[in-house]
Amino acid sequence: AAAAAEAAAAAAEAAAAAAEAAAKEEAQAKGPSKKKRKKEPPQPKQQPKQNYVVGKTDHLEPTWIDAATLREAVATGERSPVIVVSGEQCRLFPTASSVLRMGEVRNWLGGTSAAKVDV
């Protein structure tokens, strides 16, 4: 009786091993199992640079610029010409320099409107 019980247990183990092997083959035939993506933790908000904060006021210092300085900037023909203001080198925004190249503005600055600068 003990031998029959051992034989039955061995047969059960063999059947379980065969079933497990069949399951592995079936899984390999389907391809690798798909893993669920883990939710990434929310990224902390990037702090803006100190020179740009929405709603920040009184961070710009107005200054007078001589018309001769503006005429020189227009004469360079650069898209964003360098000017010296209060001993500091600054660049004009391209929009501002294109406005300075307009005929009426060139006349106002004392330049000639005929001298067109291609940029």
Foldseek 3Di string as FASTA:
>chain_A
DVVVVVVVVVVVVVVVVVVVVVVVVVCVVVPDDDDDDDDDDDDDDDDDDPVDDPPDPPPDDDDDDQLVQLVVQLVVLDQWGWGADPNDIDTHHSVVSVVCLQQVNCVVSVHHNPDHRDD
